[in-house]
Amino acid sequence: MSEEFKKQRRYPRIRSEYPALVKRLDPELFTGLATARVMSLGGCMVEHEGPLGEGTPVELRFSVAGRIISARGIVASERKVQGNTYEVGVEFFSIPLPDLELLQQITRTIDEA
């Protein structure tokens, strides 16, 4: 990724490996396990078995540093990577304040390292 593109991002992204629970908030109410591979204050990319559907509202719960971070968002993109595994980009639209503060601390700490 070019330096120019990185500068255009609203939030710094960090590589991660956090276990996540993904719950669709549409009538199907599907819940599944995923791994958060990239995190930022504005969203994340999770690796998930099967597509969730672009535009689908979801609730995510991440296990980070012994705590659970909850966030609600919308599936912004999906890309099939292998077999039935997808990279799913989620844009956050709601994060409880204590969870947002923890996410800010994590992204700031890793970004400064």
Protein backbone atom coordinates (compact mmCIF):
# COMPACT_ATOMS: atom_id res chain seq x y z
CA MET A 1 0.00 0.00 0.00
CA SER A 2 1.42 3.39 -0.94
CA GLU A 3 2.34 5.99 1.67
CA GLU A 4 0.00 8.45 -0.08
CA PHE A 5 -2.97 6.09 0.41
CA LYS A 6 -2.07 5.46 4.06
CA LYS A 7 -2.10 9.22 4.72
CA GLN A 8 -5.64 9.45 3.33
CA ARG A 9 -7.04 7.01 5.87
CA ARG A 10 -9.18 8.55 8.63
CA TYR A 11 -7.89 6.16 11.28
CA PRO A 12 -4.61 4.27 11.58
CA ARG A 13 -5.01 0.53 11.08
CA ILE A 14 -3.27 -2.11 13.11
CA ARG A 15 -2.73 -5.74 12.27
CA SER A 16 -4.37 -7.97 14.84
CA GLU A 17 -5.31 -11.52 15.67
CA TYR A 18 -8.31 -11.08 18.00
CA PRO A 19 -11.02 -13.74 18.29
CA ALA A 20 -14.41 -12.27 17.41
CA LEU A 21 -18.07 -13.17 17.56
CA VAL A 22 -20.10 -11.84 14.62
CA LYS A 23 -23.87 -11.51 14.84
CA ARG A 24 -26.00 -10.37 11.91
CA LEU A 25 -28.66 -7.90 13.01
CA ASP A 26 -31.00 -8.60 10.11
CA PRO A 27 -33.92 -11.03 10.38
CA GLU A 28 -31.64 -14.05 9.87
CA LEU A 29 -29.78 -13.31 13.13
CA PHE A 30 -26.85 -15.51 12.09
CA THR A 31 -24.00 -15.73 14.63
CA GLY A 32 -20.53 -17.06 13.89
CA LEU A 33 -16.91 -16.98 14.93
CA ALA A 34 -14.27 -14.92 13.15
CA THR A 35 -10.78 -13.51 13.61
CA ALA A 36 -10.18 -9.76 13.51
CA ARG A 37 -7.11 -9.32 11.29
CA VAL A 38 -7.11 -5.50 11.04
CA MET A 39 -8.52 -3.01 13.57
CA SER A 40 -9.04 0.73 13.62
CA LEU A 41 -11.31 3.20 15.39
CA GLY A 42 -13.50 3.34 12.28
CA GLY A 43 -13.85 -0.35 11.56
CA CYS A 44 -12.16 -3.70 11.14
CA MET A 45 -11.50 -6.54 8.77
CA VAL A 46 -12.47 -9.98 10.00
CA GLU A 47 -11.74 -13.33 8.47
CA HIS A 48 -15.00 -15.26 8.45
CA GLU A 49 -16.26 -18.59 7.12
CA GLY A 50 -18.82 -17.61 4.52
CA PRO A 51 -20.12 -14.25 3.32
CA LEU A 52 -22.23 -11.96 5.50
CA GLY A 53 -23.57 -9.77 2.70
CA GLU A 54 -22.50 -6.23 1.89
CA GLY A 55 -24.75 -3.69 3.58
CA THR A 56 -25.68 -6.11 6.38
CA PRO A 57 -25.75 -4.61 9.90
CA VAL A 58 -23.68 -6.64 12.37
CA GLU A 59 -22.70 -6.69 16.01
CA LEU A 60 -19.11 -7.70 16.80
CA ARG A 61 -17.52 -8.72 20.07
CA PHE A 62 -13.73 -8.90 20.24
CA SER A 63 -11.60 -10.43 22.96
CA VAL A 64 -8.78 -7.89 23.48
CA ALA A 65 -6.31 -7.78 26.37
CA GLY A 66 -8.59 -9.87 28.57
CA ARG A 67 -11.61 -7.64 27.91
CA ILE A 68 -14.51 -7.72 25.47
CA ILE A 69 -15.00 -4.85 23.03
CA SER A 70 -18.48 -4.57 21.49
CA ALA A 71 -19.23 -2.65 18.32
CA ARG A 72 -22.02 -2.37 15.81
CA GLY A 73 -21.33 -1.74 12.18
CA ILE A 74 -22.24 -2.37 8.59
CA VAL A 75 -20.53 -4.78 6.21
CA ALA A 76 -18.74 -2.46 3.78
CA SER A 77 -16.90 -5.06 1.70
CA GLU A 78 -16.30 -8.77 1.26
CA ARG A 79 -13.62 -10.67 -0.58
CA LYS A 80 -13.38 -14.42 -0.96
CA VAL A 81 -9.83 -15.48 -0.11
CA GLN A 82 -9.83 -19.28 -0.11
CA GLY A 83 -12.44 -22.01 -0.02
CA ASN A 84 -15.34 -20.59 1.97
CA THR A 85 -13.17 -18.04 3.85
CA TYR A 86 -13.93 -14.34 3.34
CA GLU A 87 -12.27 -11.11 4.39
CA VAL A 88 -15.12 -8.95 5.60
CA GLY A 89 -14.66 -5.20 6.04
CA VAL A 90 -16.94 -3.66 8.66
CA GLU A 91 -17.44 0.06 9.21
CA PHE A 92 -18.36 0.81 12.83
CA PHE A 93 -21.35 3.04 13.56
CA SER A 94 -21.71 2.45 17.32
CA ILE A 95 -19.21 1.57 20.06
CA PRO A 96 -19.96 1.99 23.80
CA LEU A 97 -17.70 4.66 25.32
CA PRO A 98 -15.67 2.32 27.61
CA ASP A 99 -15.02 0.02 24.63
CA LEU A 100 -14.08 2.96 22.41
CA GLU A 101 -11.60 4.18 25.02
CA LEU A 102 -9.99 0.72 25.18
CA LEU A 103 -9.81 0.55 21.38
CA GLN A 104 -8.23 4.03 21.31
CA GLN A 105 -5.65 2.92 23.86
CA ILE A 106 -4.81 -0.25 21.91
CA THR A 107 -4.48 1.49 18.54
CA ARG A 108 -2.43 4.32 20.04
CA THR A 109 -0.08 1.93 21.88
CA ILE A 110 0.53 -0.24 18.82
CA ASP A 111 0.81 2.76 16.47
CA GLU A 112 3.51 4.29 18.73
CA ALA A 113 5.52 1.04 18.95
